[in-house]
Amino acid sequence: MTIVKSAITTLLLTVAVALPTAARTVRDFFAAEQNGIFMSLTHDDRLDMLDYYEAGQNMPITNNFGGTTSIDTLSANYMKLRTSASSHVELLMATSKRDTVLYVVQTVLLPAADSHVVAYDTEWNELNTSKHFKMPSLDDFIVIPKGDKTHKKADLATMVKMPSMECNIDPATGRMTITPTVQGTMTREDYDILRPYLTDSITFELKGTKYRAIDN
């Protein structure tokens, strides 16, 4: 009986520990982050933002840089923050049976929208993002039609000095769409040459906790 009782106690403790982890949402991870990823916001700032939002009062918080930050969208696995008039941050919690990965997409809108994607584990340790999501290069957006010998892909790519790209996550599906935004950093003449060969966007969907490109 002692062995059986001990086994049952161990099982109950295991379940008690596992349930809170399984029930965690992107809100919980945002509130708990302590590695300085959201350096413009103190821990109390983040808690206040969440409390206001959940009470139906989306109050902007004055951040450490003197600007304001507010919550744009919040669900169980997705969050979007307006960090300034020219920047925003998206958080996505991707889960599988064995793993959870937190994606943070930071986007600066000026001079042209440009995004940076980093993957973290549930302790906010940075992962090797390329193993989970590989950001496309500008070459991936340039398509030369068969038989078109007017331009070479390499020549078109060298016209772009700042290969900026904007990432946007669909809160409903978790899909990430990457859009080239090089028009804002090129001369009109150069962009007019490039535009006919430039794909509008590339979409990635989650396969477990990893992003894979799909045919648009």
N, C-alpha and C. Protein backbone atom coordinates (compact mmCIF):
# COMPACT_ATOMS: atom_id res chain seq x y z
N MET A 1 0.84 -1.21 0.00
CA MET A 1 0.00 0.00 0.00
C MET A 1 0.87 1.26 0.00
N THR A 2 1.98 1.20 0.74
CA THR A 2 2.86 2.36 0.81
C THR A 2 3.43 2.71 -0.55
N ILE A 3 3.82 1.68 -1.30
CA ILE A 3 4.38 1.91 -2.64
C ILE A 3 3.33 2.50 -3.56
N VAL A 4 2.11 1.95 -3.50
CA VAL A 4 1.03 2.45 -4.35
C VAL A 4 0.69 3.89 -3.98
N LYS A 5 0.60 4.16 -2.66
CA LYS A 5 0.28 5.51 -2.20
C LYS A 5 1.34 6.51 -2.65
N SER A 6 2.61 6.08 -2.55
CA SER A 6 3.72 6.95 -2.97
C SER A 6 3.65 7.25 -4.46
N ALA A 7 3.31 6.23 -5.24
CA ALA A 7 3.21 6.40 -6.70
C ALA A 7 2.09 7.38 -7.05
N ILE A 8 0.96 7.24 -6.35
CA ILE A 8 -0.17 8.13 -6.61
C ILE A 8 0.18 9.57 -6.25
N THR A 9 0.87 9.73 -5.10
CA THR A 9 1.27 11.07 -4.68
C THR A 9 2.20 11.72 -5.70
N THR A 10 3.15 10.92 -6.20
CA THR A 10 4.09 11.42 -7.22
C THR A 10 3.35 11.84 -8.48
N LEU A 11 2.37 11.03 -8.89
CA LEU A 11 1.59 11.33 -10.08
C LEU A 11 0.82 12.63 -9.91
N LEU A 12 0.19 12.80 -8.75
CA LEU A 12 -0.59 14.00 -8.50
C LEU A 12 0.28 15.25 -8.51
N LEU A 13 1.48 15.14 -7.93
CA LEU A 13 2.39 16.27 -7.93
C LEU A 13 2.84 16.62 -9.33
N THR A 14 3.09 15.59 -10.14
CA THR A 14 3.50 15.80 -11.53
C THR A 14 2.41 16.53 -12.30
N VAL A 15 1.16 16.10 -12.12
CA VAL A 15 0.03 16.74 -12.81
C VAL A 15 -0.12 18.17 -12.33
N ALA A 16 0.03 18.38 -11.01
CA ALA A 16 -0.13 19.72 -10.46
C ALA A 16 0.90 20.68 -11.03
N VAL A 17 2.13 20.18 -11.27
CA VAL A 17 3.16 21.02 -11.85
C VAL A 17 2.91 21.23 -13.34
N ALA A 18 2.44 20.20 -14.01
CA ALA A 18 2.28 20.27 -15.47
C ALA A 18 1.12 21.16 -15.88
N LEU A 19 0.05 21.18 -15.12
CA LEU A 19 -1.14 21.91 -15.54
C LEU A 19 -0.92 23.41 -15.70
N PRO A 20 -0.28 24.09 -14.74
CA PRO A 20 -0.06 25.52 -14.94
C PRO A 20 0.77 25.81 -16.18
N THR A 21 1.80 24.97 -16.45
CA THR A 21 2.63 25.17 -17.63
C THR A 21 1.80 25.02 -18.90
N ALA A 22 0.97 23.98 -18.95
CA ALA A 22 0.16 23.73 -20.13
C ALA A 22 -0.86 24.85 -20.34
N ALA A 23 -1.27 25.48 -19.23
CA ALA A 23 -2.31 26.50 -19.32
C ALA A 23 -1.75 27.88 -19.63
N ARG A 24 -0.42 28.03 -19.69
CA ARG A 24 0.17 29.34 -19.89
C ARG A 24 -0.19 29.90 -21.25
N THR A 25 -0.37 31.20 -21.30
CA THR A 25 -0.72 31.89 -22.54
C THR A 25 0.37 32.90 -22.86
N VAL A 26 0.25 33.53 -24.03
CA VAL A 26 1.25 34.53 -24.41
C VAL A 26 1.22 35.69 -23.42
N ARG A 27 0.06 35.94 -22.82
CA ARG A 27 -0.04 36.98 -21.80
C ARG A 27 0.90 36.68 -20.63
N ASP A 28 0.91 35.43 -20.19
CA ASP A 28 1.74 35.04 -19.06
C ASP A 28 3.23 35.19 -19.37
N PHE A 29 3.61 34.81 -20.59
CA PHE A 29 5.01 34.92 -20.97
C PHE A 29 5.44 36.38 -21.09
N PHE A 30 4.57 37.23 -21.61
CA PHE A 30 4.87 38.66 -21.71
C PHE A 30 5.06 39.26 -20.32
N ALA A 31 4.21 38.89 -19.39
CA ALA A 31 4.30 39.42 -18.03
C ALA A 31 5.54 38.93 -17.31
N ALA A 32 5.96 37.70 -17.59
CA ALA A 32 7.05 37.08 -16.84
C ALA A 32 8.44 37.36 -17.40
N GLU A 33 8.55 37.91 -18.60
CA GLU A 33 9.85 38.10 -19.25
C GLU A 33 10.75 38.99 -18.39
N GLN A 34 11.99 38.54 -18.16
CA GLN A 34 12.91 39.27 -17.29
C GLN A 34 14.29 39.45 -17.91
N ASN A 35 14.43 39.17 -19.21
CA ASN A 35 15.75 39.23 -19.85
C ASN A 35 16.01 40.53 -20.59
N GLY A 36 15.13 41.51 -20.42
CA GLY A 36 15.36 42.81 -21.07
C GLY A 36 14.93 42.87 -22.51
N ILE A 37 14.16 41.90 -22.97
CA ILE A 37 13.68 41.91 -24.36
C ILE A 37 12.74 43.09 -24.57
N PHE A 38 11.92 43.36 -23.56
CA PHE A 38 11.02 44.51 -23.61
C PHE A 38 11.58 45.60 -22.70
N MET A 39 12.77 46.05 -23.03
CA MET A 39 13.50 46.96 -22.14
C MET A 39 12.81 48.31 -21.97
N SER A 40 11.94 48.68 -22.87
CA SER A 40 11.26 49.97 -22.74
C SER A 40 10.14 49.93 -21.71
N LEU A 41 9.82 48.72 -21.21
CA LEU A 41 8.72 48.57 -20.26
C LEU A 41 9.20 47.86 -19.00
N THR A 42 8.86 48.41 -17.85
CA THR A 42 9.16 47.72 -16.60
C THR A 42 8.16 46.58 -16.41
N HIS A 43 8.45 45.72 -15.46
CA HIS A 43 7.53 44.62 -15.16
C HIS A 43 6.17 45.17 -14.72
N ASP A 44 6.17 46.21 -13.90
CA ASP A 44 4.92 46.81 -13.45
C ASP A 44 4.16 47.44 -14.62
N ASP A 45 4.89 48.05 -15.55
CA ASP A 45 4.25 48.61 -16.74
C ASP A 45 3.47 47.54 -17.49
N ARG A 46 4.11 46.39 -17.67
CA ARG A 46 3.47 45.32 -18.42
C ARG A 46 2.22 44.80 -17.70
N LEU A 47 2.31 44.66 -16.39
CA LEU A 47 1.15 44.21 -15.63
C LEU A 47 0.02 45.22 -15.71
N ASP A 48 0.35 46.50 -15.62
CA ASP A 48 -0.67 47.54 -15.72
C ASP A 48 -1.35 47.52 -17.08
N MET A 49 -0.54 47.37 -18.15
CA MET A 49 -1.09 47.32 -19.50
C MET A 49 -2.09 46.18 -19.65
N LEU A 50 -1.70 45.02 -19.13
CA LEU A 50 -2.57 43.85 -19.22
C LEU A 50 -3.85 44.05 -18.43
N ASP A 51 -3.72 44.61 -17.23
CA ASP A 51 -4.90 44.84 -16.39
C ASP A 51 -5.86 45.81 -17.06
N TYR A 52 -5.32 46.91 -17.58
CA TYR A 52 -6.18 47.89 -18.26
C TYR A 52 -6.88 47.28 -19.47
N TYR A 53 -6.11 46.55 -20.27
CA TYR A 53 -6.67 45.96 -21.49
C TYR A 53 -7.79 44.99 -21.16
N GLU A 54 -7.56 44.14 -20.19
CA GLU A 54 -8.55 43.13 -19.84
C GLU A 54 -9.77 43.73 -19.15
N ALA A 55 -9.62 44.96 -18.65
CA ALA A 55 -10.75 45.67 -18.05
C ALA A 55 -11.48 46.53 -19.08
N GLY A 56 -11.04 46.42 -20.35
CA GLY A 56 -11.68 47.18 -21.41
C GLY A 56 -11.20 48.61 -21.52
N GLN A 57 -10.09 48.92 -20.87
CA GLN A 57 -9.52 50.27 -20.92
C GLN A 57 -8.10 50.17 -21.45
N ASN A 58 -7.94 50.29 -22.74
CA ASN A 58 -6.62 50.13 -23.35
C ASN A 58 -5.81 51.41 -23.18
N MET A 59 -5.25 51.57 -21.98
CA MET A 59 -4.53 52.79 -21.62
C MET A 59 -3.08 52.72 -22.11
N PRO A 60 -2.62 53.69 -22.93
CA PRO A 60 -1.21 53.72 -23.30
C PRO A 60 -0.34 53.96 -22.06
N ILE A 61 0.81 53.29 -22.02
CA ILE A 61 1.75 53.43 -20.92
C ILE A 61 2.96 54.23 -21.39
N THR A 62 3.38 55.18 -20.59
CA THR A 62 4.61 55.91 -20.92
C THR A 62 5.80 54.99 -20.67
N ASN A 63 6.55 54.71 -21.73
CA ASN A 63 7.65 53.77 -21.61
C ASN A 63 8.95 54.45 -21.19
N ASN A 64 9.99 53.65 -21.04
CA ASN A 64 11.28 54.17 -20.56
C ASN A 64 11.98 55.09 -21.54
N PHE A 65 11.52 55.12 -22.77
CA PHE A 65 12.12 56.00 -23.78
C PHE A 65 11.34 57.30 -23.94
N GLY A 66 10.32 57.49 -23.12
CA GLY A 66 9.55 58.72 -23.18
C GLY A 66 8.38 58.68 -24.13
N GLY A 67 8.24 57.58 -24.88
CA GLY A 67 7.10 57.42 -25.77
C GLY A 67 5.98 56.66 -25.08
N THR A 68 5.03 56.20 -25.84
CA THR A 68 3.92 55.43 -25.27
C THR A 68 3.83 54.06 -25.93
N THR A 69 3.39 53.09 -25.16
CA THR A 69 3.19 51.73 -25.64
C THR A 69 1.79 51.29 -25.26
N SER A 70 1.12 50.61 -26.17
CA SER A 70 -0.23 50.12 -25.89
C SER A 70 -0.42 48.75 -26.52
N ILE A 71 -1.40 48.03 -26.02
CA ILE A 71 -1.73 46.71 -26.58
C ILE A 71 -2.72 46.90 -27.71
N ASP A 72 -2.37 46.39 -28.87
CA ASP A 72 -3.25 46.46 -30.04
C ASP A 72 -4.17 45.25 -30.08
N THR A 73 -3.61 44.06 -29.87
CA THR A 73 -4.37 42.81 -29.94
C THR A 73 -3.84 41.85 -28.89
N LEU A 74 -4.75 41.08 -28.29
CA LEU A 74 -4.33 40.08 -27.30
C LEU A 74 -5.28 38.89 -27.35
N SER A 75 -4.69 37.69 -27.56
CA SER A 75 -5.45 36.44 -27.50
C SER A 75 -4.62 35.43 -26.72
N ALA A 76 -5.06 34.20 -26.70
CA ALA A 76 -4.34 33.19 -25.92
C ALA A 76 -2.92 32.97 -26.43
N ASN A 77 -2.72 33.04 -27.75
CA ASN A 77 -1.39 32.73 -28.30
C ASN A 77 -0.79 33.86 -29.13
N TYR A 78 -1.42 35.03 -29.14
CA TYR A 78 -0.92 36.13 -29.99
C TYR A 78 -1.09 37.46 -29.27
N MET A 79 -0.11 38.34 -29.49
CA MET A 79 -0.17 39.67 -28.90
C MET A 79 0.53 40.65 -29.82
N LYS A 80 -0.04 41.84 -29.94
CA LYS A 80 0.59 42.89 -30.73
C LYS A 80 0.65 44.16 -29.89
N LEU A 81 1.84 44.74 -29.82
CA LEU A 81 2.07 45.97 -29.06
C LEU A 81 2.43 47.11 -30.00
N ARG A 82 1.82 48.26 -29.78
CA ARG A 82 2.23 49.47 -30.47
C ARG A 82 3.28 50.13 -29.59
N THR A 83 4.53 50.02 -29.97
CA THR A 83 5.61 50.51 -29.11
C THR A 83 5.95 51.98 -29.35
N SER A 84 5.54 52.51 -30.49
CA SER A 84 5.68 53.94 -30.79
C SER A 84 4.87 54.22 -32.04
N ALA A 85 4.89 55.47 -32.48
CA ALA A 85 4.16 55.81 -33.70
C ALA A 85 4.76 55.16 -34.93
N SER A 86 6.02 54.72 -34.81
CA SER A 86 6.69 54.15 -35.98
C SER A 86 7.25 52.75 -35.73
N SER A 87 6.70 52.04 -34.75
CA SER A 87 7.19 50.68 -34.50
C SER A 87 6.14 49.86 -33.76
N HIS A 88 6.20 48.55 -33.96
CA HIS A 88 5.32 47.65 -33.22
C HIS A 88 6.02 46.30 -33.03
N VAL A 89 5.49 45.51 -32.10
CA VAL A 89 6.04 44.20 -31.78
C VAL A 89 4.91 43.19 -31.76
N GLU A 90 5.15 42.03 -32.39
CA GLU A 90 4.19 40.93 -32.34
C GLU A 90 4.80 39.76 -31.59
N LEU A 91 3.99 39.10 -30.79
CA LEU A 91 4.41 37.88 -30.08
C LEU A 91 3.47 36.76 -30.47
N LEU A 92 4.05 35.62 -30.80
CA LEU A 92 3.26 34.44 -31.12
C LEU A 92 3.77 33.25 -30.32
N MET A 93 2.87 32.55 -29.67
CA MET A 93 3.22 31.33 -28.95
C MET A 93 2.83 30.15 -29.82
N ALA A 94 3.84 29.43 -30.33
CA ALA A 94 3.61 28.25 -31.17
C ALA A 94 3.83 27.01 -30.34
N THR A 95 2.88 26.10 -30.37
CA THR A 95 2.97 24.90 -29.53
C THR A 95 2.82 23.63 -30.37
N SER A 96 3.46 22.59 -29.88
CA SER A 96 3.30 21.25 -30.42
C SER A 96 3.15 20.31 -29.22
N LYS A 97 3.06 19.03 -29.47
CA LYS A 97 2.90 18.08 -28.36
C LYS A 97 4.13 18.07 -27.46
N ARG A 98 5.28 18.41 -28.01
CA ARG A 98 6.52 18.30 -27.26
C ARG A 98 7.18 19.64 -26.93
N ASP A 99 6.76 20.71 -27.57
CA ASP A 99 7.55 21.93 -27.47
C ASP A 99 6.67 23.18 -27.55
N THR A 100 7.21 24.28 -27.04
CA THR A 100 6.60 25.60 -27.18
C THR A 100 7.69 26.57 -27.58
N VAL A 101 7.42 27.35 -28.61
CA VAL A 101 8.37 28.36 -29.08
C VAL A 101 7.67 29.71 -29.10
N LEU A 102 8.36 30.73 -28.60
CA LEU A 102 7.84 32.09 -28.61
C LEU A 102 8.53 32.87 -29.71
N TYR A 103 7.74 33.39 -30.64
CA TYR A 103 8.28 34.22 -31.72
C TYR A 103 8.04 35.68 -31.39
N VAL A 104 9.08 36.49 -31.53
CA VAL A 104 8.96 37.93 -31.33
C VAL A 104 9.34 38.61 -32.65
N VAL A 105 8.41 39.38 -33.20
CA VAL A 105 8.64 40.09 -34.46
C VAL A 105 8.65 41.59 -34.16
N GLN A 106 9.80 42.21 -34.30
CA GLN A 106 9.93 43.64 -34.07
C GLN A 106 9.98 44.35 -35.42
N THR A 107 9.11 45.34 -35.60
CA THR A 107 9.02 46.05 -36.88
C THR A 107 9.17 47.54 -36.68
N VAL A 108 10.10 48.11 -37.43
CA VAL A 108 10.29 49.57 -37.48
C VAL A 108 9.74 50.04 -38.82
N LEU A 109 8.94 51.10 -38.81
CA LEU A 109 8.21 51.50 -40.01
C LEU A 109 8.94 52.54 -40.87
N LEU A 110 9.96 53.18 -40.33
CA LEU A 110 10.63 54.24 -41.06
C LEU A 110 12.13 53.95 -41.17
N PRO A 111 12.78 54.28 -42.31
CA PRO A 111 12.22 54.94 -43.50
C PRO A 111 11.35 54.01 -44.36
N ALA A 112 11.54 52.70 -44.21
CA ALA A 112 10.66 51.71 -44.85
C ALA A 112 10.45 50.60 -43.83
N ALA A 113 9.25 50.01 -43.83
CA ALA A 113 8.95 48.97 -42.85
C ALA A 113 9.98 47.83 -42.95
N ASP A 114 10.56 47.49 -41.80
CA ASP A 114 11.57 46.43 -41.77
C ASP A 114 11.41 45.65 -40.47
N SER A 115 11.42 44.33 -40.57
CA SER A 115 11.13 43.47 -39.41
C SER A 115 12.30 42.57 -39.07
N HIS A 116 12.35 42.20 -37.81
CA HIS A 116 13.37 41.28 -37.29
C HIS A 116 12.65 40.22 -36.47
N VAL A 117 12.94 38.94 -36.75
CA VAL A 117 12.26 37.83 -36.08
C VAL A 117 13.25 37.05 -35.23
N VAL A 118 12.87 36.80 -33.97
CA VAL A 118 13.70 36.02 -33.07
C VAL A 118 12.82 34.99 -32.36
N ALA A 119 13.34 33.78 -32.22
CA ALA A 119 12.61 32.71 -31.52
C ALA A 119 13.22 32.47 -30.14
N TYR A 120 12.34 32.21 -29.16
CA TYR A 120 12.77 31.97 -27.79
C TYR A 120 12.09 30.71 -27.25
N ASP A 121 12.72 30.14 -26.21
CA ASP A 121 12.04 29.05 -25.52
C ASP A 121 11.16 29.64 -24.41
N THR A 122 10.54 28.79 -23.61
CA THR A 122 9.59 29.27 -22.61
C THR A 122 10.26 29.94 -21.41
N GLU A 123 11.58 29.89 -21.35
CA GLU A 123 12.32 30.60 -20.31
C GLU A 123 12.93 31.89 -20.87
N TRP A 124 12.52 32.26 -22.06
CA TRP A 124 13.02 33.44 -22.76
C TRP A 124 14.51 33.36 -23.06
N ASN A 125 14.98 32.14 -23.31
CA ASN A 125 16.34 31.96 -23.83
C ASN A 125 16.27 31.99 -25.34
N GLU A 126 17.14 32.76 -25.97
CA GLU A 126 17.10 32.87 -27.43
C GLU A 126 17.52 31.55 -28.07
N LEU A 127 16.73 31.13 -29.04
CA LEU A 127 17.01 29.91 -29.79
C LEU A 127 17.76 30.24 -31.07
N ASN A 128 18.22 29.23 -31.75
CA ASN A 128 18.78 29.40 -33.08
C ASN A 128 17.58 29.57 -34.02
N THR A 129 17.22 30.82 -34.27
CA THR A 129 15.98 31.11 -35.00
C THR A 129 15.93 30.44 -36.36
N SER A 130 17.07 30.34 -37.04
CA SER A 130 17.09 29.76 -38.38
C SER A 130 16.65 28.31 -38.41
N LYS A 131 16.69 27.63 -37.24
CA LYS A 131 16.21 26.25 -37.18
C LYS A 131 14.69 26.18 -37.10
N HIS A 132 14.07 27.31 -36.81
CA HIS A 132 12.61 27.37 -36.67
C HIS A 132 11.97 28.20 -37.78
N PHE A 133 12.65 29.24 -38.17
CA PHE A 133 12.15 30.12 -39.23
C PHE A 133 13.34 30.74 -39.95
N LYS A 134 13.35 30.60 -41.28
CA LYS A 134 14.43 31.17 -42.06
C LYS A 134 13.89 32.35 -42.85
N MET A 135 14.37 33.54 -42.49
CA MET A 135 13.94 34.75 -43.17
C MET A 135 14.37 34.69 -44.64
N PRO A 136 13.44 34.94 -45.57
CA PRO A 136 13.83 34.90 -46.98
C PRO A 136 14.78 36.03 -47.32
N SER A 137 15.59 35.83 -48.34
CA SER A 137 16.45 36.89 -48.84
C SER A 137 15.73 37.59 -49.99
N LEU A 138 16.26 38.71 -50.43
CA LEU A 138 15.63 39.43 -51.53
C LEU A 138 15.58 38.57 -52.78
N ASP A 139 16.59 37.72 -52.98
CA ASP A 139 16.62 36.83 -54.15
C ASP A 139 15.36 35.96 -54.23
N ASP A 140 14.81 35.60 -53.07
CA ASP A 140 13.62 34.75 -53.05
C ASP A 140 12.40 35.46 -53.62
N PHE A 141 12.43 36.78 -53.65
CA PHE A 141 11.28 37.55 -54.15
C PHE A 141 11.43 37.93 -55.63
N ILE A 142 12.64 37.76 -56.16
CA ILE A 142 12.88 38.14 -57.56
C ILE A 142 12.70 36.93 -58.46
N VAL A 143 11.78 37.04 -59.39
CA VAL A 143 11.48 35.93 -60.30
C VAL A 143 11.63 36.42 -61.74
N ILE A 144 12.52 35.77 -62.48
CA ILE A 144 12.72 36.10 -63.89
C ILE A 144 11.89 35.14 -64.74
N PRO A 145 10.91 35.64 -65.48
CA PRO A 145 10.10 34.74 -66.33
C PRO A 145 10.96 33.99 -67.32
N LYS A 146 10.54 32.78 -67.61
CA LYS A 146 11.27 31.97 -68.58
C LYS A 146 11.34 32.67 -69.92
N GLY A 147 12.54 32.75 -70.45
CA GLY A 147 12.73 33.37 -71.75
C GLY A 147 13.06 34.85 -71.69
N ASP A 148 12.89 35.46 -70.51
CA ASP A 148 13.20 36.88 -70.35
C ASP A 148 14.70 37.05 -70.10
N LYS A 149 15.39 37.62 -71.07
CA LYS A 149 16.83 37.81 -70.96
C LYS A 149 17.19 39.29 -70.78
N THR A 150 16.20 40.10 -70.42
CA THR A 150 16.43 41.53 -70.26
C THR A 150 17.33 41.82 -69.07
N HIS A 151 17.07 41.09 -67.94
CA HIS A 151 17.84 41.32 -66.73
C HIS A 151 18.24 40.00 -66.08
N LYS A 152 19.33 40.02 -65.34
CA LYS A 152 19.74 38.88 -64.54
C LYS A 152 19.35 39.13 -63.08
N LYS A 153 18.99 38.06 -62.37
CA LYS A 153 18.56 38.21 -60.98
C LYS A 153 19.64 38.91 -60.15
N ALA A 154 20.88 38.53 -60.32
CA ALA A 154 21.97 39.12 -59.53
C ALA A 154 22.08 40.62 -59.76
N ASP A 155 21.87 41.03 -61.01
CA ASP A 155 21.96 42.46 -61.34
C ASP A 155 20.81 43.23 -60.68
N LEU A 156 19.61 42.63 -60.70
CA LEU A 156 18.46 43.29 -60.07
C LEU A 156 18.66 43.40 -58.56
N ALA A 157 19.19 42.34 -57.97
CA ALA A 157 19.39 42.33 -56.52
C ALA A 157 20.40 43.40 -56.08
N THR A 158 21.42 43.63 -56.89
CA THR A 158 22.44 44.61 -56.51
C THR A 158 21.91 46.04 -56.58
N MET A 159 20.77 46.23 -57.22
CA MET A 159 20.16 47.56 -57.27
C MET A 159 19.58 47.96 -55.92
N VAL A 160 19.34 46.97 -55.08
CA VAL A 160 18.71 47.22 -53.78
C VAL A 160 19.80 47.34 -52.72
N LYS A 161 19.97 48.52 -52.19
CA LYS A 161 21.01 48.75 -51.17
C LYS A 161 20.52 48.40 -49.77
N MET A 162 19.20 48.53 -49.55
CA MET A 162 18.62 48.19 -48.25
C MET A 162 17.45 47.21 -48.47
N PRO A 163 17.71 45.90 -48.41
CA PRO A 163 16.67 44.90 -48.70
C PRO A 163 15.68 44.74 -47.54
N SER A 164 14.89 45.78 -47.29
CA SER A 164 13.96 45.76 -46.16
C SER A 164 12.74 44.89 -46.46
N MET A 165 12.21 44.25 -45.40
CA MET A 165 11.04 43.38 -45.51
C MET A 165 10.18 43.52 -44.26
N GLU A 166 8.88 43.48 -44.45
CA GLU A 166 7.95 43.58 -43.33
C GLU A 166 7.28 42.23 -43.07
N CYS A 167 7.27 41.82 -41.80
CA CYS A 167 6.61 40.57 -41.39
C CYS A 167 5.31 40.91 -40.67
N ASN A 168 4.25 40.20 -41.02
CA ASN A 168 2.98 40.35 -40.33
C ASN A 168 2.40 38.98 -40.03
N ILE A 169 1.95 38.78 -38.78
CA ILE A 169 1.37 37.51 -38.37
C ILE A 169 -0.15 37.63 -38.34
N ASP A 170 -0.83 36.65 -38.91
CA ASP A 170 -2.28 36.58 -38.85
C ASP A 170 -2.66 35.99 -37.49
N PRO A 171 -3.34 36.76 -36.63
CA PRO A 171 -3.67 36.25 -35.30
C PRO A 171 -4.54 35.00 -35.33
N ALA A 172 -5.38 34.85 -36.37
CA ALA A 172 -6.31 33.72 -36.43
C ALA A 172 -5.63 32.42 -36.82
N THR A 173 -4.67 32.50 -37.75
CA THR A 173 -4.05 31.28 -38.28
C THR A 173 -2.59 31.10 -37.86
N GLY A 174 -1.95 32.16 -37.40
CA GLY A 174 -0.53 32.10 -37.07
C GLY A 174 0.37 32.22 -38.28
N ARG A 175 -0.23 32.33 -39.46
CA ARG A 175 0.59 32.47 -40.67
C ARG A 175 1.36 33.79 -40.65
N MET A 176 2.59 33.73 -41.17
CA MET A 176 3.42 34.92 -41.25
C MET A 176 3.64 35.29 -42.71
N THR A 177 3.31 36.52 -43.04
CA THR A 177 3.48 37.00 -44.41
C THR A 177 4.63 37.99 -44.47
N ILE A 178 5.56 37.75 -45.39
CA ILE A 178 6.73 38.61 -45.55
C ILE A 178 6.56 39.40 -46.85
N THR A 179 6.65 40.72 -46.74
CA THR A 179 6.46 41.60 -47.89
C THR A 179 7.70 42.46 -48.09
N PRO A 180 8.27 42.49 -49.30
CA PRO A 180 9.42 43.37 -49.53
C PRO A 180 8.96 44.83 -49.53
N THR A 181 9.72 45.70 -48.89
CA THR A 181 9.35 47.11 -48.78
C THR A 181 10.44 48.01 -49.36
N VAL A 182 11.14 47.49 -50.34
CA VAL A 182 12.30 48.19 -50.89
C VAL A 182 11.93 49.46 -51.66
N GLN A 183 10.66 49.62 -52.02
CA GLN A 183 10.26 50.82 -52.75
C GLN A 183 10.61 52.08 -51.97
N GLY A 184 10.54 51.98 -50.65
CA GLY A 184 10.80 53.15 -49.82
C GLY A 184 12.26 53.52 -49.69
N THR A 185 13.16 52.68 -50.22
CA THR A 185 14.60 52.97 -50.10
C THR A 185 15.31 53.01 -51.45
N MET A 186 14.52 52.97 -52.54
CA MET A 186 15.10 52.99 -53.88
C MET A 186 14.64 54.23 -54.65
N THR A 187 15.42 54.59 -55.67
CA THR A 187 14.96 55.65 -56.55
C THR A 187 13.78 55.13 -57.37
N ARG A 188 12.94 56.03 -57.83
CA ARG A 188 11.78 55.61 -58.61
C ARG A 188 12.22 54.89 -59.88
N GLU A 189 13.29 55.35 -60.49
CA GLU A 189 13.76 54.74 -61.74
C GLU A 189 14.20 53.29 -61.50
N ASP A 190 14.97 53.07 -60.45
CA ASP A 190 15.44 51.71 -60.16
C ASP A 190 14.28 50.80 -59.77
N TYR A 191 13.35 51.33 -58.97
CA TYR A 191 12.23 50.49 -58.54
C TYR A 191 11.34 50.12 -59.73
N ASP A 192 11.17 51.03 -60.68
CA ASP A 192 10.37 50.73 -61.86
C ASP A 192 10.98 49.59 -62.67
N ILE A 193 12.30 49.47 -62.65
CA ILE A 193 12.97 48.37 -63.34
C ILE A 193 12.75 47.07 -62.58
N LEU A 194 12.86 47.13 -61.25
CA LEU A 194 12.75 45.93 -60.42
C LEU A 194 11.32 45.42 -60.28
N ARG A 195 10.37 46.31 -60.20
CA ARG A 195 9.00 45.94 -59.83
C ARG A 195 8.40 44.80 -60.65
N PRO A 196 8.55 44.74 -61.96
CA PRO A 196 7.92 43.64 -62.72
C PRO A 196 8.42 42.25 -62.33
N TYR A 197 9.58 42.18 -61.66
CA TYR A 197 10.17 40.89 -61.31
C TYR A 197 10.02 40.58 -59.81
N LEU A 198 9.36 41.46 -59.09
CA LEU A 198 9.29 41.34 -57.64
C LEU A 198 7.99 40.68 -57.19
N THR A 199 8.12 39.56 -56.47
CA THR A 199 6.95 38.88 -55.90
C THR A 199 6.38 39.73 -54.77
N ASP A 200 5.04 39.82 -54.72
CA ASP A 200 4.39 40.68 -53.71
C ASP A 200 4.70 40.23 -52.29
N SER A 201 4.65 38.93 -52.04
CA SER A 201 4.86 38.44 -50.66
C SER A 201 5.13 36.94 -50.68
N ILE A 202 5.65 36.46 -49.56
CA ILE A 202 5.84 35.03 -49.32
C ILE A 202 5.18 34.72 -47.98
N THR A 203 4.38 33.67 -47.93
CA THR A 203 3.66 33.32 -46.71
C THR A 203 4.23 32.04 -46.10
N PHE A 204 4.35 32.06 -44.78
CA PHE A 204 4.83 30.92 -44.02
C PHE A 204 3.73 30.44 -43.09
N GLU A 205 3.60 29.12 -42.95
CA GLU A 205 2.64 28.59 -41.98
C GLU A 205 3.36 27.70 -40.98
N LEU A 206 2.74 27.56 -39.82
CA LEU A 206 3.34 26.77 -38.76
C LEU A 206 3.15 25.28 -39.00
N LYS A 207 4.22 24.55 -38.88
CA LYS A 207 4.20 23.09 -38.86
C LYS A 207 4.73 22.70 -37.49
N GLY A 208 3.83 22.51 -36.55
CA GLY A 208 4.24 22.34 -35.16
C GLY A 208 4.70 23.68 -34.62
N THR A 209 5.99 23.79 -34.30
CA THR A 209 6.53 25.06 -33.81
C THR A 209 7.47 25.71 -34.82
N LYS A 210 7.51 25.19 -36.04
CA LYS A 210 8.41 25.72 -37.06
C LYS A 210 7.62 26.31 -38.23
N TYR A 211 8.17 27.36 -38.81
CA TYR A 211 7.54 28.00 -39.95
C TYR A 211 8.10 27.42 -41.25
N ARG A 212 7.19 27.14 -42.18
CA ARG A 212 7.57 26.62 -43.50
C ARG A 212 6.87 27.46 -44.57
N ALA A 213 7.60 27.81 -45.63
CA ALA A 213 7.01 28.59 -46.72
C ALA A 213 5.97 27.75 -47.45
N ILE A 214 4.89 28.41 -47.86
CA ILE A 214 3.84 27.73 -48.64
C ILE A 214 3.65 28.45 -49.95
N ASP A 215 3.02 27.77 -50.91
CA ASP A 215 2.72 28.40 -52.19
C ASP A 215 1.57 29.37 -51.99
N ASN A 216 1.77 30.61 -52.44
CA ASN A 216 0.70 31.61 -52.30
C ASN A 216 -0.39 31.40 -53.33
